[in-house]
């Protein structure tokens, strides 16, 4: 007997919660996938995330912009 297929760790708009695990997106699994996918182009990752942050900011009107920046961008910046 097969289990049901797992959902991808993508944002569910307009709530910006993960489709797979239900926590605030980007969840840990999404972060790992994005870091792997963009491992050779961190700048492109940051541009992509900034675009999504702007979209989320329009839909999540009650959130502080600084918290959105932390949620969407801070983890993706290069260390060191």
Protein backbone atom coordinates (compact mmCIF):
# COMPACT_ATOMS: atom_id res chain seq x y z
CA UNK A 1 0.00 0.00 0.00
CA UNK A 2 1.40 3.36 -0.98
CA UNK A 3 1.26 6.45 1.16
CA UNK A 4 -0.04 9.64 -0.31
CA UNK A 5 2.53 11.69 -2.16
CA UNK A 6 4.26 14.33 -0.10
CA UNK A 7 3.63 17.96 -0.87
CA UNK A 8 6.53 20.22 -1.82
CA UNK A 9 7.71 22.75 0.73
CA UNK A 10 6.31 25.75 -1.14
CA UNK A 11 4.44 28.79 0.16
CA UNK A 12 0.68 28.77 0.28
CA UNK A 13 -0.54 32.23 -0.60
CA UNK A 14 -1.89 34.45 0.96
CA UNK A 15 -1.02 32.89 4.33
CA UNK A 16 2.66 32.26 3.49
CA UNK A 17 2.64 28.96 5.36
CA UNK A 18 4.36 25.88 3.97
CA UNK A 19 2.09 23.63 1.91
CA UNK A 20 3.82 20.52 3.29
CA UNK A 21 4.43 21.19 6.99
CA UNK A 22 2.23 24.21 7.73
CA UNK A 23 4.84 26.41 9.42
CA UNK A 24 5.83 29.90 8.32
CA UNK A 25 7.49 29.76 4.92
CA UNK A 26 10.35 29.43 4.21
CA UNK A 27 10.47 26.42 6.51
CA UNK A 28 13.71 24.56 7.24
CA UNK A 29 13.15 22.10 4.40
CA UNK A 30 12.52 24.93 1.93
CA UNK A 31 15.64 26.76 3.10
CA UNK A 32 17.79 23.67 2.59
CA UNK A 33 16.32 23.09 -0.88
CA UNK A 34 16.83 26.72 -1.88
CA UNK A 35 20.42 26.80 -0.59
CA UNK A 36 21.19 23.66 -2.60
CA UNK A 37 19.41 24.91 -5.71
CA UNK A 38 21.19 28.29 -5.64
CA UNK A 39 24.52 27.09 -4.18
CA UNK A 40 26.47 28.65 -7.05
CA UNK A 41 24.51 31.91 -7.22
CA UNK A 42 23.72 33.37 -3.80
CA UNK A 43 22.86 36.76 -5.33
CA UNK A 44 20.13 35.17 -7.48
CA UNK A 45 18.74 33.49 -4.36
CA UNK A 46 18.60 36.81 -2.53
CA UNK A 47 16.87 38.50 -5.47
CA UNK A 48 14.32 35.66 -5.64
CA UNK A 49 13.68 35.82 -1.89
CA UNK A 50 13.40 39.62 -1.93
CA UNK A 51 10.76 39.33 -4.66
CA UNK A 52 8.80 36.84 -2.56
CA UNK A 53 9.26 39.02 0.52
CA UNK A 54 7.70 41.97 -1.33
CA UNK A 55 4.74 39.82 -2.37
CA UNK A 56 4.32 38.49 1.16
CA UNK A 57 4.50 42.03 2.54
CA UNK A 58 1.51 42.99 0.42
CA UNK A 59 -0.49 39.99 1.64
CA UNK A 60 0.62 39.88 5.29
CA UNK A 61 -0.22 43.47 6.09
CA UNK A 62 0.03 43.15 9.86
CA UNK A 63 3.67 42.02 9.95
CA UNK A 64 6.62 44.28 10.69
CA UNK A 65 8.80 44.73 7.55
CA UNK A 66 11.94 44.08 9.61
CA UNK A 67 10.54 40.71 10.71
CA UNK A 68 9.73 39.85 7.11
CA UNK A 69 13.29 40.68 6.10
CA UNK A 70 14.59 38.42 8.86
CA UNK A 71 12.23 35.63 7.79
CA UNK A 72 12.94 35.84 4.07
CA UNK A 73 16.48 37.15 3.70
CA UNK A 74 18.67 37.01 6.80
CA UNK A 75 19.17 33.23 6.74
CA UNK A 76 20.24 33.28 3.08
CA UNK A 77 23.02 35.84 3.38
CA UNK A 78 26.53 34.45 3.04
CA UNK A 79 28.29 33.81 6.34
CA UNK A 80 31.73 35.14 7.13
